């Protein structure tokens, strides 16, 4: 599903919206917002128009106007494709729903797929797959692992992470919520299998069959980390590794939603969540993940392991010996 520029169904409204977009491209967001208001007077139920109006108001510094536009949008967009709820939450005017806003993320990356790699790598200096790959290779050497029987790449996108994993895994799976992303990466022949699915649901459908699970800049769209880890850990074989990135913040909150509509996770809260989930932390560092509008985005790079021997199983064996004695 794409949300790029939906026609309003009215020629005059579309023409005014087109002029508004030209003004916005030229930097005059206040004038663009005025023209969008005129278009929406003609077609008040045009969801894409309210989305554009919110964007132009926000860029013009009219946060109240943006919030008003997003409230109209929220009432019209039953599926949440335009992410009105997230936009309201990010500006303190609502509460984000728990978990991934699937319809919004799917539409976002369906639209983004054709220019994804060029925008992310060339323009934003994105190196998370390379950085995670370096950490995985380091842990493989320390643990004496020469390859993985089955690796799972969550939010596989166009295969930026998968191309690093290909030589390390006998069988490599990719999962992504976006059909357009799946189509882009399918042409490259990186993965042995590809699945379009929401990642928590996909993880909950499997049990202890992955030696490695990766997620490069994926959990930043998923909200709270504990439910994700609760699905991830059972999907790992004992001794299996998980390598992933998060955007970071230094505050006391476990997470907050940024205006970018990506979640930032607290460093201390993330460490606690890993331990509570039963994972051993093998590597945990903060680093600059990429740049956004020229500003560095600091995040966390994590490699953790499901213990090779489950504590409960070991204790059960000890208890059984005591009883028998």
Protein backbone atom coordinates (compact mmCIF):
# COMPACT_ATOMS: atom_id res chain seq x y z
CA UNK A 1 0.00 0.00 0.00
CA UNK A 2 1.38 3.42 -0.89
CA UNK A 3 0.39 6.76 0.56
CA UNK A 4 2.59 8.94 -1.66
CA UNK A 5 0.03 11.29 -3.23
CA UNK A 6 -3.56 10.10 -3.35
CA UNK A 7 -5.90 12.05 -5.58
CA UNK A 8 -8.72 13.75 -3.73
CA UNK A 9 -11.09 12.90 -6.57
CA UNK A 10 -11.64 16.59 -7.28
CA UNK A 11 -9.64 18.33 -10.03
CA UNK A 12 -9.63 21.76 -8.36
CA UNK A 13 -8.61 20.34 -4.97
CA UNK A 14 -5.83 18.31 -6.58
CA UNK A 15 -4.58 21.38 -8.43
CA UNK A 16 -4.42 23.42 -5.24
CA UNK A 17 -2.67 20.57 -3.45
CA UNK A 18 -0.16 20.40 -6.29
CA UNK A 19 0.56 24.12 -5.98
CA UNK A 20 0.86 23.66 -2.21
CA UNK A 21 3.46 20.97 -2.70
CA UNK A 22 5.43 23.26 -5.02
CA UNK A 23 5.39 25.98 -2.37
CA UNK A 24 6.49 23.50 0.29
CA UNK A 25 9.34 22.28 -1.92
CA UNK A 26 10.41 25.93 -2.13
CA UNK A 27 10.38 26.27 1.66
CA UNK A 28 7.18 28.32 2.06
CA UNK A 29 5.32 25.89 4.30
CA UNK A 30 2.89 28.46 5.71
CA UNK A 31 1.61 29.34 2.23
CA UNK A 32 1.47 25.64 1.37
CA UNK A 33 -0.69 25.03 4.45
CA UNK A 34 -3.05 27.87 3.43
CA UNK A 35 -3.56 26.28 0.00
CA UNK A 36 -4.18 22.86 1.55
CA UNK A 37 -6.87 24.39 3.76
CA UNK A 38 -8.57 25.68 0.62
CA UNK A 39 -8.37 22.23 -0.98
CA UNK A 40 -9.80 20.58 2.14
CA UNK A 41 -12.72 23.01 2.16
CA UNK A 42 -13.69 21.31 -1.11
CA UNK A 43 -12.92 17.71 -0.05
CA UNK A 44 -13.10 17.59 3.78
CA UNK A 45 -12.85 13.77 3.91
CA UNK A 46 -9.53 13.58 2.03
CA UNK A 47 -7.19 11.76 4.43
CA UNK A 48 -4.02 12.33 2.39
CA UNK A 49 -4.79 16.04 2.30
CA UNK A 50 -5.03 16.25 6.09
CA UNK A 51 -1.74 14.37 6.32
CA UNK A 52 -0.04 16.92 4.05
CA UNK A 53 -1.63 19.79 5.95
CA UNK A 54 -0.25 18.46 9.24
CA UNK A 55 3.21 18.17 7.73
CA UNK A 56 3.18 21.69 6.30
CA UNK A 57 1.87 23.19 9.54
CA UNK A 58 4.55 21.36 11.52
CA UNK A 59 7.30 22.62 9.21
CA UNK A 60 5.88 26.14 9.41
CA UNK A 61 6.13 26.01 13.22
CA UNK A 62 2.35 25.84 13.71
CA UNK A 63 2.23 22.82 16.01
CA UNK A 64 -1.36 23.53 17.09
CA UNK A 65 -2.42 23.56 13.44
CA UNK A 66 -0.56 20.31 12.83
CA UNK A 67 -2.25 18.64 15.79
CA UNK A 68 -5.65 19.79 14.58
CA UNK A 69 -4.93 18.35 11.12
CA UNK A 70 -3.77 15.04 12.57
CA UNK A 71 -6.92 14.78 14.69
CA UNK A 72 -9.00 15.12 11.53
CA UNK A 73 -6.73 12.54 9.88
CA UNK A 74 -7.06 10.09 12.75
CA UNK A 75 -10.86 10.18 12.41
CA UNK A 76 -10.62 9.39 8.68
CA UNK A 77 -7.79 6.83 8.61
CA UNK A 78 -9.28 3.73 10.21
CA UNK A 79 -6.32 1.52 9.25
CA UNK A 80 -3.71 3.93 10.60
CA UNK A 81 -1.79 4.02 7.30
CA UNK A 82 -0.83 7.67 7.77
CA UNK A 83 0.33 7.24 11.39
CA UNK A 84 -1.86 9.99 12.83
CA UNK A 85 -1.86 8.39 16.28
CA UNK A 86 1.94 8.26 16.31
CA UNK A 87 2.23 11.87 15.18
CA UNK A 88 -0.14 13.01 17.91
CA UNK A 89 1.72 10.97 20.53
CA UNK A 90 5.11 12.31 19.42
CA UNK A 91 3.82 15.87 19.98
CA UNK A 92 2.25 15.17 23.37
CA UNK A 93 -1.32 15.16 22.07
CA UNK A 94 -2.08 11.45 22.43
CA UNK A 95 -0.76 8.07 23.45
CA UNK A 96 0.92 5.71 21.03
CA UNK A 97 -0.64 2.28 20.74
CA UNK A 98 1.30 -0.63 22.19
CA UNK A 99 3.57 -2.47 19.78
CA UNK A 100 4.23 -1.81 16.13
CA UNK A 101 1.92 0.48 14.16
CA UNK A 102 1.85 -2.16 11.43
CA UNK A 103 -0.22 -0.34 8.80
CA UNK A 104 1.87 2.82 9.10
CA UNK A 105 5.22 0.98 8.96
CA UNK A 106 4.05 -1.17 6.04
CA UNK A 107 2.91 1.86 4.03
CA UNK A 108 6.04 3.81 4.93
CA UNK A 109 8.42 1.17 3.63
CA UNK A 110 6.28 0.19 0.66
CA UNK A 111 6.64 3.80 -0.47
CA UNK A 112 10.32 4.01 0.51
CA UNK A 113 11.50 0.71 -1.03
CA UNK A 114 12.66 1.91 -4.49
CA UNK A 115 15.05 4.54 -3.07
CA UNK A 116 15.71 2.88 0.31
CA UNK A 117 19.38 1.96 -0.10
CA UNK A 118 20.36 5.14 -1.90
CA UNK A 119 18.74 7.34 0.73
CA UNK A 120 19.92 5.41 3.76
CA UNK A 121 23.48 4.53 2.80
CA UNK A 122 24.53 7.40 0.54
CA UNK A 123 22.72 10.30 2.20
CA UNK A 124 22.54 9.31 5.87
CA UNK A 125 25.85 7.48 6.29
CA UNK A 126 24.07 4.34 7.49
CA UNK A 127 26.45 1.58 8.62
CA UNK A 128 24.46 -0.44 11.16
CA UNK A 129 24.58 -3.74 9.18
CA UNK A 130 28.38 -3.47 8.87
CA UNK A 131 28.75 -2.64 12.57
CA UNK A 132 26.50 -5.50 13.68
CA UNK A 133 28.32 -7.87 11.34
CA UNK A 134 31.66 -6.92 12.88
CA UNK A 135 30.29 -7.67 16.35
CA UNK A 136 28.81 -11.00 15.27
CA UNK A 137 32.12 -12.04 13.74
CA UNK A 138 33.94 -11.10 16.95
CA UNK A 139 31.57 -13.18 19.07
CA UNK A 140 31.80 -16.10 16.65
CA UNK A 141 35.58 -16.09 17.09
CA UNK A 142 35.35 -15.88 20.88
CA UNK A 143 32.75 -18.65 21.10
CA UNK A 144 34.37 -20.92 18.52
CA UNK A 145 31.41 -20.72 16.10
CA UNK A 146 32.36 -21.23 12.45
CA UNK A 147 28.86 -20.92 10.97
CA UNK A 148 25.16 -20.86 11.82
CA UNK A 149 22.81 -23.59 10.70
CA UNK A 150 19.83 -21.21 10.51
CA UNK A 151 19.84 -17.42 10.70
CA UNK A 152 16.81 -15.13 10.77
CA UNK A 153 17.00 -11.49 9.65
CA UNK A 154 14.10 -9.48 11.06
CA UNK A 155 13.04 -6.44 9.07
CA UNK A 156 15.25 -7.66 6.26
CA UNK A 157 14.38 -4.72 3.99
CA UNK A 158 16.42 -4.80 0.80
CA UNK A 159 19.01 -7.19 2.22
CA UNK A 160 21.59 -4.78 3.65
CA UNK A 161 22.04 -7.03 6.70
CA UNK A 162 21.42 -10.26 4.84
CA UNK A 163 24.32 -9.83 2.44
CA UNK A 164 26.68 -9.87 5.44
CA UNK A 165 25.00 -12.95 6.90
CA UNK A 166 24.87 -14.99 3.70
CA UNK A 167 28.34 -16.51 4.09
CA UNK A 168 27.78 -17.29 7.77
CA UNK A 169 24.53 -19.24 7.55
CA UNK A 170 23.59 -22.53 5.91
CA UNK A 171 19.97 -21.33 5.73
CA UNK A 172 19.06 -17.64 5.82
CA UNK A 173 15.52 -16.36 6.31
CA UNK A 174 14.26 -12.81 5.90
CA UNK A 175 11.09 -11.35 7.40
CA UNK A 176 9.65 -7.92 6.63
CA UNK A 177 6.26 -6.27 7.00
CA UNK A 178 6.60 -4.53 3.62
CA UNK A 179 5.74 -6.42 0.44
CA UNK A 180 7.67 -3.87 -1.63
CA UNK A 181 10.80 -4.43 0.44
CA UNK A 182 10.41 -8.20 0.07
CA UNK A 183 10.11 -7.75 -3.70
CA UNK A 184 13.26 -5.60 -3.82
CA UNK A 185 15.38 -8.11 -1.92
CA UNK A 186 13.92 -11.17 -3.66
CA UNK A 187 15.56 -10.01 -6.89
CA UNK A 188 18.99 -10.20 -5.26
CA UNK A 189 18.85 -13.89 -4.29
CA UNK A 190 20.34 -13.30 -0.84
CA UNK A 191 17.87 -15.28 1.27
CA UNK A 192 16.82 -18.92 1.14
CA UNK A 193 13.30 -17.87 2.11
CA UNK A 194 11.39 -14.61 2.55
CA UNK A 195 8.23 -13.98 4.53
CA UNK A 196 5.97 -10.94 4.71
CA UNK A 197 4.87 -10.72 8.33
CA UNK A 198 4.83 -8.58 11.45
CA UNK A 199 7.92 -9.69 13.34
CA UNK A 200 6.47 -10.46 16.79
CA UNK A 201 3.76 -12.61 15.22
CA UNK A 202 6.38 -14.35 13.08
CA UNK A 203 8.58 -15.03 16.10
CA UNK A 204 5.66 -16.34 18.15
CA UNK A 205 4.95 -18.88 15.41
CA UNK A 206 8.31 -20.63 15.84
CA UNK A 207 10.19 -22.33 18.63
CA UNK A 208 13.92 -22.72 19.23
CA UNK A 209 15.01 -23.13 15.63
CA UNK A 210 17.32 -20.14 14.99
CA UNK A 211 21.03 -20.01 15.79
CA UNK A 212 21.18 -16.29 15.00
CA UNK A 213 18.54 -13.55 14.89
CA UNK A 214 19.42 -10.08 13.63
CA UNK A 215 17.42 -6.84 13.59
CA UNK A 216 19.20 -3.79 12.16
CA UNK A 217 17.20 -0.65 13.01
CA UNK A 218 13.97 -2.62 13.32
CA UNK A 219 12.97 -2.51 16.99
CA UNK A 220 12.92 1.31 16.78
CA UNK A 221 9.45 0.89 15.24
CA UNK A 222 8.21 -1.70 17.74
CA UNK A 223 7.67 0.26 20.94
CA UNK A 224 8.46 -1.44 24.26
CA UNK A 225 11.34 -3.89 24.14
CA UNK A 226 10.21 -6.56 26.67
CA UNK A 227 7.35 -7.96 24.49
CA UNK A 228 9.73 -8.20 21.53
CA UNK A 229 12.33 -10.06 23.60
CA UNK A 230 9.63 -12.33 25.03
CA UNK A 231 8.92 -13.46 21.47
CA UNK A 232 12.55 -13.50 20.34
CA UNK A 233 14.12 -15.62 23.09
CA UNK A 234 11.95 -18.73 22.56
CA UNK A 235 12.71 -18.56 18.84
CA UNK A 236 16.43 -19.00 19.56
CA UNK A 237 18.04 -22.35 20.11
CA UNK A 238 19.92 -22.66 23.40
CA UNK A 239 23.23 -20.94 22.76
CA UNK A 240 21.75 -18.93 19.88
CA UNK A 241 22.75 -15.30 19.36
CA UNK A 242 20.67 -12.16 18.89
CA UNK A 243 22.29 -9.05 17.34
CA UNK A 244 20.34 -5.82 17.02
CA UNK A 245 20.40 -2.04 17.21
CA UNK A 246 18.26 0.51 19.00
CA UNK A 247 18.17 4.28 19.09
CA UNK A 248 19.27 5.48 22.53
CA UNK A 249 18.43 8.18 25.03
CA UNK A 250 19.92 8.88 28.45
CA UNK A 251 16.73 9.70 30.33
CA UNK A 252 15.02 7.56 32.97
CA UNK A 253 12.14 6.53 30.69
CA UNK A 254 12.35 3.03 29.18
CA UNK A 255 11.42 4.58 25.84
CA UNK A 256 9.90 7.61 24.18
CA UNK A 257 8.57 8.36 20.72
CA UNK A 258 10.63 10.86 18.76
CA UNK A 259 9.16 13.33 16.23
CA UNK A 260 10.75 11.05 13.60
CA UNK A 261 8.12 8.48 14.75
CA UNK A 262 10.92 6.14 15.81
CA UNK A 263 11.27 4.97 19.40
CA UNK A 264 14.36 5.75 21.46
CA UNK A 265 15.12 3.30 24.27
CA UNK A 266 16.78 4.04 27.59
CA UNK A 267 20.23 2.54 27.97
CA UNK A 268 19.77 1.29 31.55
CA UNK A 269 16.24 0.06 30.86
CA UNK A 270 17.51 -1.89 27.84
CA UNK A 271 20.16 -3.65 29.90
CA UNK A 272 17.52 -4.57 32.47
CA UNK A 273 15.14 -5.85 29.79
CA UNK A 274 17.82 -8.14 28.36
CA UNK A 275 18.54 -9.67 31.76
CA UNK A 276 14.86 -10.09 32.62
CA UNK A 277 14.30 -11.82 29.26
CA UNK A 278 16.94 -14.38 30.23
CA UNK A 279 19.64 -13.29 27.77
CA UNK A 280 23.36 -13.14 28.43
CA UNK A 281 24.82 -9.82 27.28
CA UNK A 282 27.91 -10.54 25.20
CA UNK A 283 28.43 -7.07 23.79
CA UNK A 284 26.71 -3.75 24.55
CA UNK A 285 27.92 -0.40 23.24
CA UNK A 286 26.61 3.00 22.27
CA UNK A 287 27.63 4.42 18.90
CA UNK A 288 26.53 6.85 16.20
CA UNK A 289 24.24 4.84 13.92
CA UNK A 290 23.60 7.42 11.18
CA UNK A 291 22.88 11.10 10.63
CA UNK A 292 19.44 12.71 10.45
CA UNK A 293 19.24 16.27 9.06
CA UNK A 294 22.95 16.55 9.72
CA UNK A 295 22.67 15.54 13.39
CA UNK A 296 24.19 12.28 14.67
CA UNK A 297 21.75 9.65 15.93
CA UNK A 298 23.22 7.74 18.85
CA UNK A 299 22.11 4.20 19.42
CA UNK A 300 22.97 0.87 20.98
CA UNK A 301 24.59 -2.12 19.33
CA UNK A 302 23.87 -5.34 21.19
CA UNK A 303 24.84 -8.97 20.89
CA UNK A 304 23.22 -11.30 23.41
CA UNK A 305 22.92 -15.05 23.81
CA UNK A 306 20.26 -17.44 24.98
CA UNK A 307 22.10 -19.50 27.60
CA UNK A 308 23.36 -22.83 26.24
CA UNK A 309 21.89 -24.61 29.28
CA UNK A 310 18.66 -23.25 30.66
CA UNK A 311 18.88 -22.41 34.35
CA UNK A 312 15.57 -24.07 35.20
CA UNK A 313 16.58 -27.29 33.47
CA UNK A 314 19.87 -27.35 35.35
CA UNK A 315 18.11 -26.72 38.66
CA UNK A 316 15.52 -29.40 37.90
CA UNK A 317 18.31 -31.90 37.44
CA UNK A 318 19.92 -30.93 40.72
CA UNK A 319 16.61 -31.04 42.55
CA UNK A 320 15.84 -34.43 41.09
CA UNK A 321 19.16 -35.77 42.40
CA UNK A 322 18.43 -34.47 45.87
CA UNK A 323 15.00 -36.09 45.94
CA UNK A 324 16.37 -39.41 44.75
CA UNK A 325 19.04 -39.34 47.43
